[in-house]
């Protein structure tokens, strides 16, 4: 089965440096197949016979610690989950400017109470919709000026997350189709 792994916080501002070729090689040595990366910021498409996404997350986390001494969140989605995420973005109806659209992928589904409380928070230049383990965002002034960065959702929903722009989400979907 195909999976997408999102590694948060690597190769940003000279911190948590991870060479993608070295990571791909290490992953293939550890029974992952068809490992492909997209840009240098921790986007990986892979095949695995693992029994769960959690086991893949754990294996990649261990590789990052062992090979690079990096300890950052890893979030994995299977192919079906990824395609569902792409189909469910309601903000595609709000804008043609894909540079304003983002998705925060959560490590787990947050509690209903936290979702309800967070959904009541509003900002004039940002809209968001929490949908299970995904948060769709429309940042009218761009992500660099948003009031709802990754840390906002982690703090309010009490789960880890990793954000990707919509173009990256679509590129990773294309990569799923190329195997």
C-alpha atoms as a PDB file:
ATOM      1  CA  UNK A   1       0.000   0.000   0.000  1.00  0.00           C
ATOM      2  CA  UNK A   2       1.119   3.581  -0.649  1.00  0.00           C
ATOM      3  CA  UNK A   3       1.534   6.153   2.102  1.00  0.00           C
ATOM      4  CA  UNK A   4       2.530   9.776   2.482  1.00  0.00           C
ATOM      5  CA  UNK A   5       4.723  10.726   5.421  1.00  0.00           C
ATOM      6  CA  UNK A   6       4.979  14.342   6.534  1.00  0.00           C
ATOM      7  CA  UNK A   7       7.969  15.233   8.661  1.00  0.00           C
ATOM      8  CA  UNK A   8       7.554  18.485  10.522  1.00  0.00           C
ATOM      9  CA  UNK A   9      10.269  21.033  11.099  1.00  0.00           C
ATOM     10  CA  UNK A  10      13.219  19.712   9.110  1.00  0.00           C
ATOM     11  CA  UNK A  11      15.587  21.721   6.915  1.00  0.00           C
ATOM     12  CA  UNK A  12      14.074  25.009   8.078  1.00  0.00           C
ATOM     13  CA  UNK A  13      16.428  27.893   8.810  1.00  0.00           C
ATOM     14  CA  UNK A  14      19.431  25.598   9.124  1.00  0.00           C
ATOM     15  CA  UNK A  15      17.839  23.531  11.882  1.00  0.00           C
ATOM     16  CA  UNK A  16      17.113  19.789  11.959  1.00  0.00           C
ATOM     17  CA  UNK A  17      19.083  19.130   8.797  1.00  0.00           C
ATOM     18  CA  UNK A  18      18.059  15.955   7.008  1.00  0.00           C
ATOM     19  CA  UNK A  19      19.541  14.973   3.664  1.00  0.00           C
ATOM     20  CA  UNK A  20      16.667  13.542   1.623  1.00  0.00           C
ATOM     21  CA  UNK A  21      18.847  11.060  -0.309  1.00  0.00           C
ATOM     22  CA  UNK A  22      20.329   9.702   2.924  1.00  0.00           C
ATOM     23  CA  UNK A  23      16.836   9.446   4.407  1.00  0.00           C
ATOM     24  CA  UNK A  24      15.486   7.651   1.314  1.00  0.00           C
ATOM     25  CA  UNK A  25      18.393   5.182   1.442  1.00  0.00           C
ATOM     26  CA  UNK A  26      17.870   4.549   5.163  1.00  0.00           C
ATOM     27  CA  UNK A  27      14.162   3.999   4.635  1.00  0.00           C
ATOM     28  CA  UNK A  28      14.722   1.541   1.797  1.00  0.00           C
ATOM     29  CA  UNK A  29      17.226  -0.353   3.966  1.00  0.00           C
ATOM     30  CA  UNK A  30      14.422  -0.633   6.546  1.00  0.00           C
ATOM     31  CA  UNK A  31      11.869  -2.355   4.315  1.00  0.00           C
ATOM     32  CA  UNK A  32      10.147   0.679   2.837  1.00  0.00           C
ATOM     33  CA  UNK A  33       9.784   0.532  -0.945  1.00  0.00           C
ATOM     34  CA  UNK A  34       9.528   3.077  -3.771  1.00  0.00           C
ATOM     35  CA  UNK A  35      10.570   5.877  -1.409  1.00  0.00           C
ATOM     36  CA  UNK A  36      10.311   9.268  -3.120  1.00  0.00           C
ATOM     37  CA  UNK A  37      10.619  12.729  -1.641  1.00  0.00           C
ATOM     38  CA  UNK A  38       9.182  16.052  -2.707  1.00  0.00           C
ATOM     39  CA  UNK A  39      11.275  19.147  -2.016  1.00  0.00           C
ATOM     40  CA  UNK A  40      13.500  19.306   1.074  1.00  0.00           C
ATOM     41  CA  UNK A  41      10.848  19.886   3.725  1.00  0.00           C
ATOM     42  CA  UNK A  42       9.861  16.368   4.708  1.00  0.00           C
ATOM     43  CA  UNK A  43       7.336  15.115   2.177  1.00  0.00           C
ATOM     44  CA  UNK A  44       7.703  11.415   1.417  1.00  0.00           C
ATOM     45  CA  UNK A  45       5.695   9.010  -0.714  1.00  0.00           C
ATOM     46  CA  UNK A  46       6.413   5.357   0.029  1.00  0.00           C
ATOM     47  CA  UNK A  47       5.130   1.829  -0.120  1.00  0.00           C
ATOM     48  CA  UNK A  48       4.952  -0.422   2.893  1.00  0.00           C
ATOM     49  CA  UNK A  49       3.426  -3.666   4.078  1.00  0.00           C
ATOM     50  CA  UNK A  50       3.165  -2.277   7.614  1.00  0.00           C
ATOM     51  CA  UNK A  51       0.059  -3.094   9.587  1.00  0.00           C
ATOM     52  CA  UNK A  52      -0.654   0.511  10.633  1.00  0.00           C
ATOM     53  CA  UNK A  53       0.263   4.119   9.967  1.00  0.00           C
ATOM     54  CA  UNK A  54       1.426   4.327  13.583  1.00  0.00           C
ATOM     55  CA  UNK A  55       4.071   1.683  12.942  1.00  0.00           C
ATOM     56  CA  UNK A  56       5.314   3.649   9.921  1.00  0.00           C
ATOM     57  CA  UNK A  57       5.409   6.867  11.960  1.00  0.00           C
ATOM     58  CA  UNK A  58       7.402   5.108  14.676  1.00  0.00           C
ATOM     59  CA  UNK A  59       9.852   3.557  12.195  1.00  0.00           C
ATOM     60  CA  UNK A  60      10.512   6.879  10.434  1.00  0.00           C
ATOM     61  CA  UNK A  61      10.898   8.675  13.771  1.00  0.00           C
ATOM     62  CA  UNK A  62      13.516   6.119  14.838  1.00  0.00           C
ATOM     63  CA  UNK A  63      15.397   6.534  11.533  1.00  0.00           C
ATOM     64  CA  UNK A  64      15.427  10.313  11.962  1.00  0.00           C
ATOM     65  CA  UNK A  65      16.797   9.970  15.498  1.00  0.00           C
ATOM     66  CA  UNK A  66      19.378   7.317  14.573  1.00  0.00           C
ATOM     67  CA  UNK A  67      20.696   8.800  11.325  1.00  0.00           C
ATOM     68  CA  UNK A  68      20.266  12.550  11.924  1.00  0.00           C
ATOM     69  CA  UNK A  69      19.766  13.015  15.685  1.00  0.00           C
ATOM     70  CA  UNK A  70      16.460  14.739  14.892  1.00  0.00           C
ATOM     71  CA  UNK A  71      13.343  14.319  17.025  1.00  0.00           C
ATOM     72  CA  UNK A  72      10.322  15.833  15.246  1.00  0.00           C
ATOM     73  CA  UNK A  73       6.710  14.793  14.626  1.00  0.00           C
ATOM     74  CA  UNK A  74       6.014  12.406  11.738  1.00  0.00           C
ATOM     75  CA  UNK A  75       2.463  12.139  10.435  1.00  0.00           C
ATOM     76  CA  UNK A  76       1.461   9.426   7.967  1.00  0.00           C
ATOM     77  CA  UNK A  77      -1.642   9.076   5.814  1.00  0.00           C
ATOM     78  CA  UNK A  78      -2.528   6.171   3.579  1.00  0.00           C
ATOM     79  CA  UNK A  79      -3.407   6.726  -0.056  1.00  0.00           C
ATOM     80  CA  UNK A  80      -7.156   6.582   0.557  1.00  0.00           C
ATOM     81  CA  UNK A  81      -6.997   9.130   3.380  1.00  0.00           C
ATOM     82  CA  UNK A  82      -4.894  11.479   1.240  1.00  0.00           C
ATOM     83  CA  UNK A  83      -7.307  11.336  -1.684  1.00  0.00           C
ATOM     84  CA  UNK A  84     -10.211  11.999   0.670  1.00  0.00           C
ATOM     85  CA  UNK A  85      -8.398  15.060   2.020  1.00  0.00           C
ATOM     86  CA  UNK A  86      -7.951  16.402  -1.515  1.00  0.00           C
ATOM     87  CA  UNK A  87     -11.646  15.924  -2.344  1.00  0.00           C
ATOM     88  CA  UNK A  88     -13.019  17.533   0.822  1.00  0.00           C
ATOM     89  CA  UNK A  89     -11.404  20.996   0.638  1.00  0.00           C
ATOM     90  CA  UNK A  90     -14.403  23.318   0.776  1.00  0.00           C
ATOM     91  CA  UNK A  91     -12.238  26.422   0.344  1.00  0.00           C
ATOM     92  CA  UNK A  92     -11.645  25.568  -3.317  1.00  0.00           C
ATOM     93  CA  UNK A  93     -15.068  27.136  -3.844  1.00  0.00           C
ATOM     94  CA  UNK A  94     -13.890  30.379  -2.175  1.00  0.00           C
ATOM     95  CA  UNK A  95     -10.812  31.220  -4.261  1.00  0.00           C
ATOM     96  CA  UNK A  96      -8.897  30.463  -7.431  1.00  0.00           C
ATOM     97  CA  UNK A  97      -5.652  31.500  -5.711  1.00  0.00           C
ATOM     98  CA  UNK A  98      -4.233  28.184  -4.514  1.00  0.00           C
ATOM     99  CA  UNK A  99      -1.387  30.003  -2.740  1.00  0.00           C
ATOM    100  CA  UNK A 100      -3.905  30.996  -0.049  1.00  0.00           C
ATOM    101  CA  UNK A 101      -4.961  27.410   0.738  1.00  0.00           C
ATOM    102  CA  UNK A 102      -3.312  25.134   3.315  1.00  0.00           C
ATOM    103  CA  UNK A 103      -3.969  21.923   5.212  1.00  0.00           C
ATOM    104  CA  UNK A 104      -2.790  21.081   8.696  1.00  0.00           C
ATOM    105  CA  UNK A 105      -2.547  17.314   9.054  1.00  0.00           C
ATOM    106  CA  UNK A 106      -3.144  16.213  12.638  1.00  0.00           C
ATOM    107  CA  UNK A 107      -1.513  13.225  14.308  1.00  0.00           C
ATOM    108  CA  UNK A 108      -4.866  12.112  15.647  1.00  0.00           C
ATOM    109  CA  UNK A 109      -8.470  13.179  15.735  1.00  0.00           C
ATOM    110  CA  UNK A 110      -8.951  15.852  18.414  1.00  0.00           C
ATOM    111  CA  UNK A 111     -11.690  15.674  21.021  1.00  0.00           C
ATOM    112  CA  UNK A 112     -15.126  16.989  20.099  1.00  0.00           C
ATOM    113  CA  UNK A 113     -14.965  19.543  22.897  1.00  0.00           C
ATOM    114  CA  UNK A 114     -11.646  20.933  21.635  1.00  0.00           C
ATOM    115  CA  UNK A 115     -12.931  21.034  18.044  1.00  0.00           C
ATOM    116  CA  UNK A 116     -16.075  22.849  19.129  1.00  0.00           C
ATOM    117  CA  UNK A 117     -14.169  25.412  21.219  1.00  0.00           C
ATOM    118  CA  UNK A 118     -11.552  26.025  18.520  1.00  0.00           C
ATOM    119  CA  UNK A 119     -14.178  26.373  15.797  1.00  0.00           C
ATOM    120  CA  UNK A 120     -15.675  29.316  17.678  1.00  0.00           C
ATOM    121  CA  UNK A 121     -12.461  31.333  17.258  1.00  0.00           C
ATOM    122  CA  UNK A 122     -12.523  33.706  14.283  1.00  0.00           C
ATOM    123  CA  UNK A 123      -9.970  35.974  12.648  1.00  0.00           C
ATOM    124  CA  UNK A 124     -10.766  38.544   9.944  1.00  0.00           C
ATOM    125  CA  UNK A 125      -8.169  37.357   7.414  1.00  0.00           C
ATOM    126  CA  UNK A 126      -8.215  33.610   8.032  1.00  0.00           C
ATOM    127  CA  UNK A 127     -10.852  30.926   7.766  1.00  0.00           C
ATOM    128  CA  UNK A 128     -10.501  27.306   8.773  1.00  0.00           C
ATOM    129  CA  UNK A 129     -12.545  24.147   8.895  1.00  0.00           C
ATOM    130  CA  UNK A 130     -11.671  21.169  11.098  1.00  0.00           C
ATOM    131  CA  UNK A 131     -12.586  17.888   9.431  1.00  0.00           C
ATOM    132  CA  UNK A 132     -11.489  14.841  11.404  1.00  0.00           C
ATOM    133  CA  UNK A 133      -7.674  14.739  11.308  1.00  0.00           C
ATOM    134  CA  UNK A 134      -7.449  17.551   8.734  1.00  0.00           C
ATOM    135  CA  UNK A 135      -7.762  21.306   9.069  1.00  0.00           C
ATOM    136  CA  UNK A 136      -8.422  23.187   5.853  1.00  0.00           C
ATOM    137  CA  UNK A 137      -7.308  26.813   5.881  1.00  0.00           C
ATOM    138  CA  UNK A 138      -7.935  29.822   3.685  1.00  0.00           C
ATOM    139  CA  UNK A 139      -5.330  32.443   4.642  1.00  0.00           C
ATOM    140  CA  UNK A 140      -6.340  35.547   2.711  1.00  0.00           C
ATOM    141  CA  UNK A 141      -3.023  37.321   3.396  1.00  0.00           C
ATOM    142  CA  UNK A 142      -0.919  34.168   3.021  1.00  0.00           C
ATOM    143  CA  UNK A 143       0.478  31.777   5.606  1.00  0.00           C
ATOM    144  CA  UNK A 144       3.325  34.108   6.549  1.00  0.00           C
ATOM    145  CA  UNK A 145       0.818  36.580   8.013  1.00  0.00           C
ATOM    146  CA  UNK A 146      -1.733  34.135   9.373  1.00  0.00           C
ATOM    147  CA  UNK A 147      -3.162  34.206  12.879  1.00  0.00           C
ATOM    148  CA  UNK A 148      -3.687  30.426  12.701  1.00  0.00           C
ATOM    149  CA  UNK A 149      -0.270  28.779  12.278  1.00  0.00           C
ATOM    150  CA  UNK A 150       0.439  25.169  13.125  1.00  0.00           C
ATOM    151  CA  UNK A 151       1.105  26.016  16.783  1.00  0.00           C
ATOM    152  CA  UNK A 152      -2.340  27.639  17.137  1.00  0.00           C
ATOM    153  CA  UNK A 153      -4.039  24.344  16.337  1.00  0.00           C
ATOM    154  CA  UNK A 154      -1.652  22.252  18.416  1.00  0.00           C
ATOM    155  CA  UNK A 155      -2.291  24.461  21.441  1.00  0.00           C
ATOM    156  CA  UNK A 156      -6.083  24.540  21.065  1.00  0.00           C
ATOM    157  CA  UNK A 157      -6.664  20.962  19.881  1.00  0.00           C
ATOM    158  CA  UNK A 158      -3.926  19.342  22.011  1.00  0.00           C
ATOM    159  CA  UNK A 159      -2.548  17.210  19.148  1.00  0.00           C
ATOM    160  CA  UNK A 160       0.544  17.462  16.937  1.00  0.00           C
ATOM    161  CA  UNK A 161       0.184  18.755  13.402  1.00  0.00           C
ATOM    162  CA  UNK A 162       2.106  19.571  10.254  1.00  0.00           C
ATOM    163  CA  UNK A 163       0.943  22.117   7.677  1.00  0.00           C
ATOM    164  CA  UNK A 164       1.365  21.964   3.907  1.00  0.00           C
ATOM    165  CA  UNK A 165       0.340  24.395   1.208  1.00  0.00           C
ATOM    166  CA  UNK A 166      -2.284  23.228  -1.255  1.00  0.00           C
ATOM    167  CA  UNK A 167       0.154  22.956  -4.170  1.00  0.00           C
ATOM    168  CA  UNK A 168       2.287  20.515  -2.160  1.00  0.00           C
ATOM    169  CA  UNK A 169      -0.828  18.516  -1.258  1.00  0.00           C
ATOM    170  CA  UNK A 170      -1.667  18.225  -4.964  1.00  0.00           C
ATOM    171  CA  UNK A 171       1.922  17.353  -5.963  1.00  0.00           C
ATOM    172  CA  UNK A 172       1.997  14.555  -3.404  1.00  0.00           C
ATOM    173  CA  UNK A 173      -1.305  13.254  -4.751  1.00  0.00           C
ATOM    174  CA  UNK A 174       0.236  13.159  -8.252  1.00  0.00           C
ATOM    175  CA  UNK A 175       3.204  11.242  -6.851  1.00  0.00           C
ATOM    176  CA  UNK A 176       0.799   8.596  -5.538  1.00  0.00           C
ATOM    177  CA  UNK A 177      -0.397   8.047  -9.093  1.00  0.00           C
ATOM    178  CA  UNK A 178       3.067   7.540 -10.589  1.00  0.00           C
ATOM    179  CA  UNK A 179       3.837   4.129  -9.074  1.00  0.00           C
END
